[in-house]
N, C-alpha and C. Protein backbone atom coordinates (compact mmCIF):
# COMPACT_ATOMS: atom_id res chain seq x y z
N UNK A 1 0.84 -1.18 0.00
CA UNK A 1 0.00 0.00 0.00
C UNK A 1 0.88 1.24 0.00
N UNK A 2 0.43 2.27 -0.67
CA UNK A 2 1.15 3.53 -0.71
C UNK A 2 1.15 4.15 0.68
N UNK A 3 2.05 5.12 0.86
CA UNK A 3 2.10 5.84 2.12
C UNK A 3 0.75 6.47 2.41
N UNK A 4 0.37 6.48 3.67
CA UNK A 4 -0.89 7.08 4.05
C UNK A 4 -0.84 7.54 5.49
N UNK A 5 -1.93 8.12 5.92
CA UNK A 5 -2.06 8.59 7.29
C UNK A 5 -3.19 7.84 7.96
N UNK A 6 -3.13 7.79 9.28
CA UNK A 6 -4.14 7.09 10.06
C UNK A 6 -5.27 8.03 10.45
N UNK A 7 -6.51 7.54 10.29
CA UNK A 7 -7.70 8.32 10.60
C UNK A 7 -8.72 7.45 11.31
N UNK A 8 -9.59 8.11 12.08
CA UNK A 8 -10.78 7.49 12.64
C UNK A 8 -11.96 8.08 11.87
N UNK A 9 -12.75 7.23 11.25
CA UNK A 9 -13.91 7.65 10.47
C UNK A 9 -15.16 7.18 11.20
N UNK A 10 -16.07 8.11 11.49
CA UNK A 10 -17.35 7.73 12.07
C UNK A 10 -18.44 8.01 11.05
N UNK A 11 -19.46 7.15 11.08
CA UNK A 11 -20.52 7.21 10.08
C UNK A 11 -21.82 7.70 10.68
N UNK A 12 -22.64 8.26 9.83
CA UNK A 12 -23.98 8.69 10.23
C UNK A 12 -24.88 7.47 10.35
N UNK A 13 -25.96 7.62 11.10
CA UNK A 13 -26.96 6.55 11.19
C UNK A 13 -27.48 6.26 9.79
N UNK A 14 -27.75 5.01 9.52
CA UNK A 14 -28.30 4.62 8.22
C UNK A 14 -27.26 4.20 7.20
N UNK A 15 -25.98 4.46 7.47
CA UNK A 15 -24.94 4.04 6.54
C UNK A 15 -24.81 2.51 6.60
N UNK A 16 -24.68 1.88 5.46
CA UNK A 16 -24.52 0.43 5.38
C UNK A 16 -23.04 0.10 5.51
N UNK A 17 -22.67 -0.59 6.58
CA UNK A 17 -21.26 -0.83 6.88
C UNK A 17 -20.54 -1.61 5.79
N UNK A 18 -21.14 -2.67 5.27
CA UNK A 18 -20.46 -3.46 4.24
C UNK A 18 -20.22 -2.64 2.97
N UNK A 19 -21.21 -1.85 2.57
CA UNK A 19 -21.04 -1.00 1.39
C UNK A 19 -19.98 0.06 1.64
N UNK A 20 -19.95 0.60 2.87
CA UNK A 20 -18.96 1.63 3.16
C UNK A 20 -17.55 1.05 3.20
N UNK A 21 -17.41 -0.17 3.71
CA UNK A 21 -16.09 -0.82 3.69
C UNK A 21 -15.59 -0.97 2.25
N UNK A 22 -16.46 -1.36 1.35
CA UNK A 22 -16.07 -1.48 -0.05
C UNK A 22 -15.67 -0.12 -0.62
N UNK A 23 -16.39 0.92 -0.22
CA UNK A 23 -16.06 2.29 -0.66
C UNK A 23 -14.67 2.68 -0.15
N UNK A 24 -14.39 2.41 1.13
CA UNK A 24 -13.08 2.74 1.68
C UNK A 24 -11.97 2.04 0.91
N UNK A 25 -12.18 0.77 0.62
CA UNK A 25 -11.17 0.01 -0.12
C UNK A 25 -10.99 0.56 -1.53
N UNK A 26 -12.07 1.07 -2.13
CA UNK A 26 -11.94 1.66 -3.47
C UNK A 26 -11.10 2.94 -3.46
N UNK A 27 -11.01 3.59 -2.29
CA UNK A 27 -10.17 4.78 -2.14
C UNK A 27 -8.72 4.42 -1.83
N UNK A 28 -8.45 3.14 -1.66
CA UNK A 28 -7.11 2.70 -1.33
C UNK A 28 -6.85 2.63 0.16
N UNK A 29 -7.91 2.67 0.96
CA UNK A 29 -7.77 2.63 2.42
C UNK A 29 -7.51 1.21 2.90
N UNK A 30 -6.71 1.12 3.92
CA UNK A 30 -6.51 -0.14 4.65
C UNK A 30 -7.34 -0.02 5.92
N UNK A 31 -8.31 -0.90 6.11
CA UNK A 31 -9.14 -0.89 7.31
C UNK A 31 -8.36 -1.61 8.40
N UNK A 32 -7.98 -0.86 9.44
CA UNK A 32 -7.18 -1.42 10.52
C UNK A 32 -8.05 -1.97 11.65
N UNK A 33 -9.22 -1.36 11.85
CA UNK A 33 -10.11 -1.83 12.91
C UNK A 33 -11.53 -1.34 12.63
N UNK A 34 -12.50 -2.19 12.90
CA UNK A 34 -13.91 -1.79 12.82
C UNK A 34 -14.44 -1.71 14.25
N UNK A 35 -14.94 -0.56 14.64
CA UNK A 35 -15.43 -0.36 16.00
C UNK A 35 -16.84 -0.90 16.15
N UNK A 36 -17.15 -1.37 17.35
CA UNK A 36 -18.49 -1.88 17.62
C UNK A 36 -19.32 -0.91 18.45
N UNK A 37 -18.68 -0.09 19.28
CA UNK A 37 -19.43 0.87 20.10
C UNK A 37 -19.83 2.12 19.34
N UNK A 38 -19.06 2.43 18.32
CA UNK A 38 -19.40 3.55 17.44
C UNK A 38 -19.49 2.99 16.03
N UNK A 39 -20.20 3.68 15.19
CA UNK A 39 -20.27 3.26 13.78
C UNK A 39 -19.06 3.85 13.07
N UNK A 40 -17.97 3.09 13.07
CA UNK A 40 -16.77 3.66 12.46
C UNK A 40 -15.63 2.69 12.33
N UNK A 41 -14.53 3.25 11.82
CA UNK A 41 -13.35 2.47 11.47
C UNK A 41 -12.08 3.25 11.79
N UNK A 42 -11.01 2.51 12.08
CA UNK A 42 -9.66 3.05 12.09
C UNK A 42 -9.08 2.63 10.73
N UNK A 43 -8.55 3.59 9.99
CA UNK A 43 -8.05 3.29 8.66
C UNK A 43 -6.71 3.97 8.41
N UNK A 44 -5.99 3.47 7.42
CA UNK A 44 -4.82 4.15 6.85
C UNK A 44 -5.26 4.54 5.45
N UNK A 45 -5.17 5.84 5.15
CA UNK A 45 -5.70 6.36 3.89
C UNK A 45 -4.66 7.21 3.19
N UNK A 46 -4.47 7.01 1.88
CA UNK A 46 -3.60 7.91 1.13
C UNK A 46 -4.12 9.35 1.27
N UNK A 47 -3.24 10.28 1.53
CA UNK A 47 -3.61 11.67 1.81
C UNK A 47 -4.43 12.35 0.73
N UNK A 48 -4.29 11.93 -0.51
CA UNK A 48 -5.02 12.60 -1.58
C UNK A 48 -6.51 12.24 -1.60
N UNK A 49 -6.97 11.35 -0.72
CA UNK A 49 -8.38 10.98 -0.70
C UNK A 49 -9.13 11.46 0.54
N UNK A 50 -8.46 12.20 1.41
CA UNK A 50 -9.09 12.66 2.64
C UNK A 50 -10.28 13.57 2.35
N UNK A 51 -10.13 14.51 1.45
CA UNK A 51 -11.22 15.42 1.10
C UNK A 51 -12.42 14.69 0.53
N UNK A 52 -12.17 13.70 -0.30
CA UNK A 52 -13.24 12.89 -0.87
C UNK A 52 -14.01 12.19 0.24
N UNK A 53 -13.29 11.62 1.18
CA UNK A 53 -13.91 10.91 2.30
C UNK A 53 -14.71 11.88 3.17
N UNK A 54 -14.14 13.04 3.47
CA UNK A 54 -14.83 14.02 4.32
C UNK A 54 -16.14 14.50 3.70
N UNK A 55 -16.21 14.52 2.38
CA UNK A 55 -17.41 15.00 1.68
C UNK A 55 -18.45 13.91 1.39
N UNK A 56 -18.17 12.69 1.81
CA UNK A 56 -19.12 11.60 1.58
C UNK A 56 -20.36 11.81 2.45
N UNK A 57 -21.53 11.62 1.88
CA UNK A 57 -22.80 11.87 2.58
C UNK A 57 -23.02 10.98 3.79
N UNK A 58 -22.32 9.86 3.89
CA UNK A 58 -22.50 8.93 5.01
C UNK A 58 -21.52 9.16 6.16
N UNK A 59 -20.57 10.07 5.96
CA UNK A 59 -19.52 10.30 6.95
C UNK A 59 -19.93 11.39 7.94
N UNK A 60 -19.85 11.06 9.23
CA UNK A 60 -20.11 12.05 10.28
C UNK A 60 -18.84 12.83 10.60
N UNK A 61 -17.69 12.13 10.66
CA UNK A 61 -16.43 12.82 10.95
C UNK A 61 -15.24 12.00 10.48
N UNK A 62 -14.16 12.72 10.20
CA UNK A 62 -12.86 12.12 9.87
C UNK A 62 -11.84 12.85 10.75
N UNK A 63 -11.19 12.11 11.63
CA UNK A 63 -10.24 12.71 12.57
C UNK A 63 -8.91 11.97 12.45
N UNK A 64 -7.80 12.70 12.56
CA UNK A 64 -6.50 12.02 12.60
C UNK A 64 -6.46 11.06 13.79
N UNK A 65 -5.94 9.89 13.59
CA UNK A 65 -5.79 8.91 14.66
C UNK A 65 -4.43 9.14 15.30
N UNK A 66 -4.44 9.34 16.59
CA UNK A 66 -3.18 9.54 17.30
C UNK A 66 -3.24 8.89 18.66
N UNK A 67 -2.09 8.66 19.21
CA UNK A 67 -1.98 8.03 20.52
C UNK A 67 -2.36 9.04 21.59
N UNK A 68 -3.15 8.59 22.56
CA UNK A 68 -3.56 9.44 23.68
C UNK A 68 -2.88 8.93 24.93
N UNK A 69 -2.28 9.85 25.68
CA UNK A 69 -1.58 9.47 26.91
C UNK A 69 -2.21 10.20 28.09
N UNK A 70 -2.28 9.51 29.21
CA UNK A 70 -2.76 10.11 30.45
C UNK A 70 -1.56 10.28 31.36
N UNK A 71 -1.36 11.49 31.84
CA UNK A 71 -0.22 11.76 32.74
C UNK A 71 -0.59 11.46 34.17
């Protein structure tokens, strides 16, 4: 897979998960994890497709995935 960045994608209610997974793969995304508590995925996505993903009608949010630390 080409270089990419890690993102957390959450979906709006009514989005079909299997269809959306196929859509992500068509953008060249690697699905790293599918969440069960939220409607979403952790993905690695080529940077040139972030805008396309953000503008998808089924997407609620696209956030950079980063490590969180508690001090």
